[in-house]
Amino acid sequence: PHRWWRLEHDGSNLHWMTSPDGASWTVMHSADVDITDSLQRVRFGATSNGTSPEGEARFDNFGSH
C-alpha cells in the first residue's frame, strides 16, 4: 500500500505521487490540467477491496504549498 500520497501542480501538469516514507516519491500518473479558481475542492475517501477484513483509513498531514 501507499502510505503517503501527494498531488502536485507544476503550472501545466498535475502529478499524482506516492511514497512509502514521506521522503522519496514516485510519480504514479501525470496529466495536463489547467487549474483555475474553479477547482477548489478535494475529496478523500476509502473503500474496501473485498478481500480484507474491516480496516482503518487515516487522513492527516493535509496541507497546501
Protein backbone atom coordinates (compact mmCIF):
# COMPACT_ATOMS: atom_id res chain seq x y z
CA PRO A 1 0.00 0.00 0.00
CA HIS A 2 0.98 3.62 -0.50
CA ARG A 3 1.38 5.24 2.89
CA TRP A 4 1.74 8.81 1.59
CA TRP A 5 0.01 10.46 -1.37
CA ARG A 6 0.84 13.81 -2.94
CA LEU A 7 -0.84 15.87 -5.65
CA GLU A 8 1.42 18.50 -7.16
CA HIS A 9 0.77 21.03 -9.93
CA ASP A 10 3.74 22.48 -11.80
CA GLY A 11 1.90 25.08 -13.86
CA SER A 12 0.62 22.81 -16.62
CA ASN A 13 0.63 19.25 -15.27
CA LEU A 14 -0.93 17.62 -12.24
CA HIS A 15 1.21 14.84 -10.79
CA TRP A 16 -0.11 12.06 -8.54
CA MET A 17 2.77 10.74 -6.43
CA THR A 18 3.09 8.10 -3.73
CA SER A 19 5.71 7.37 -1.09
CA PRO A 20 6.34 4.62 1.44
CA ASP A 21 8.10 7.00 3.86
CA GLY A 22 7.14 10.61 3.00
CA ALA A 23 10.70 11.29 1.81
CA SER A 24 11.16 9.52 -1.55
CA TRP A 25 8.36 9.97 -4.11
CA THR A 26 7.30 8.06 -7.22
CA VAL A 27 5.13 9.69 -9.89
CA MET A 28 2.24 7.30 -10.50
CA HIS A 29 0.41 9.43 -13.07
CA SER A 30 0.63 12.87 -14.68
CA ALA A 31 -1.96 14.75 -16.70
CA ASP A 32 -2.14 18.12 -18.43
CA VAL A 33 -4.52 20.08 -16.20
CA ASP A 34 -5.38 23.78 -16.23
CA ILE A 35 -6.04 24.56 -12.57
CA THR A 36 -8.10 27.69 -12.18
CA ASP A 37 -10.12 29.23 -9.38
CA SER A 38 -12.98 26.91 -10.33
CA LEU A 39 -11.04 23.94 -8.93
CA GLN A 40 -11.47 24.45 -5.21
CA ARG A 41 -12.42 21.10 -3.71
CA VAL A 42 -10.52 17.93 -2.94
CA ARG A 43 -12.40 14.85 -1.77
CA PHE A 44 -10.82 11.98 0.17
CA GLY A 45 -12.34 8.57 0.65
CA ALA A 46 -11.52 4.92 1.21
CA THR A 47 -13.08 1.66 0.11
CA SER A 48 -12.52 -1.98 0.93
CA ASN A 49 -11.05 -4.25 -1.71
CA GLY A 50 -13.44 -7.01 -0.62
CA THR A 51 -10.69 -9.42 0.42
CA SER A 52 -9.61 -7.89 3.72
CA PRO A 53 -11.47 -7.64 6.99
CA GLU A 54 -12.62 -4.21 8.09
CA GLY A 55 -9.74 -1.82 8.42
CA GLU A 56 -8.93 1.77 9.03
CA ALA A 57 -8.23 4.78 6.83
CA ARG A 58 -6.49 7.85 8.24
CA PHE A 59 -6.15 11.18 6.52
CA ASP A 60 -3.76 13.59 8.20
CA ASN A 61 -0.93 15.97 7.40
CA PHE A 62 -3.12 17.61 4.77
CA GLY A 63 -1.76 20.91 3.55
CA SER A 64 -1.09 23.04 0.55
CA HIS A 65 2.10 24.75 -0.50
